[in-house]
Amino acid sequence: MNKTAFFLACLVLAHPAAGAYAQNFAGAPKKEIVIEEPSPELKTGEMLEYSMEWLGLNVGEVVLKVAGIEKIDGHPCYHINALARPNNFLRRIVDLEYEVDSYVDTELFVSRRFIKKRRLKGQASFNQIDFYPEKNKVDYKTKGGTVSYKVSPKRAQVAEDNPDTDKIPDDTQDLLSSLYYLRQVELQAGQEYEVNIYYHHKNWVSTFSVEKPFVKEMRKKGRFEVFRVFPSSGLNDFIMGENKFSIYFTADPRRIPIEFRFKTAVGSISARLQKILLQ
């Protein structure tokens, strides 16, 4: 059983709210749901808290946060942080935690720096990618533990088919910034959008297919106008061993990702939004 792939899937995840801002459609006249134009900038201090579920059981949490604006090489950047950690139940199966930091240019909305910290079997590892979009190149640094894990039999073949490089095309994103990129660009139902994601010394061209928006019922949260996005890429196979992954975004200008669904070697996993906080 691929326990690490199970946990990895949960990453690819001043006005506190008790829930996820459900919309009330009771008695409202039917109208065509559209994907509205996104907000022009990210809201610093936004924190999204998700419950991680497998077979109906809560097995951990994922927290996404726009921590603030910091300068990288003189460029103002959004500092986006993601943390995935198991609860005590899952920790007995796989003792693994991830923390990721992405620094995204506030003007160009491309990645300037990506940091991944992992703790596995008592060993910590650290990876940092510095992006230089003006030069179309990256600098990759790594240190720490070398404990390896087998994600999927597909991983080696997918990696072999995609050679290592330190060159990147224009508008390249990192693993985390690509999620926020989808919150910032104009999207239309029925269209596909290509995004280049640099990860693990490789460029991964990812295609994001956007479905028609609809009303989605969230258990104990209410109903939301949402649209679903399907990312398709060899990166999905490389990380999770499967290419089946979907994200539900609210159709309003905030583009809140309210649910992630994954298919992995250990079955279907979901991460559902529980709280929206603005600090």
Foldseek 3Di string as FASTA:
>chain_A
DQLQLLQLQVVLAQDWDQFDPADDCVPPDDDFFFQDAADQFAAAQKKWKWFKDDPRDGWWIKMKHQHDWDDDVRATWGKIKMWTATDPVSCVVWVKIKIKIWTAGRPQRATQKIWIWMAGPNKIKIKMWGDDQVVQFIDIDIDIDDDDGDQAPCQVVLDVVWDFDGGHHHRAHESPSVVVVVLNGDDGAQDKDWHWYDDPRGTKIKIKHKHRWDWDQDVVRYIATWIKIQIAISVCCNSFVDRGKMWIFGSDNRRDGAKIWDQHPVGIMMIGTTIIDGD
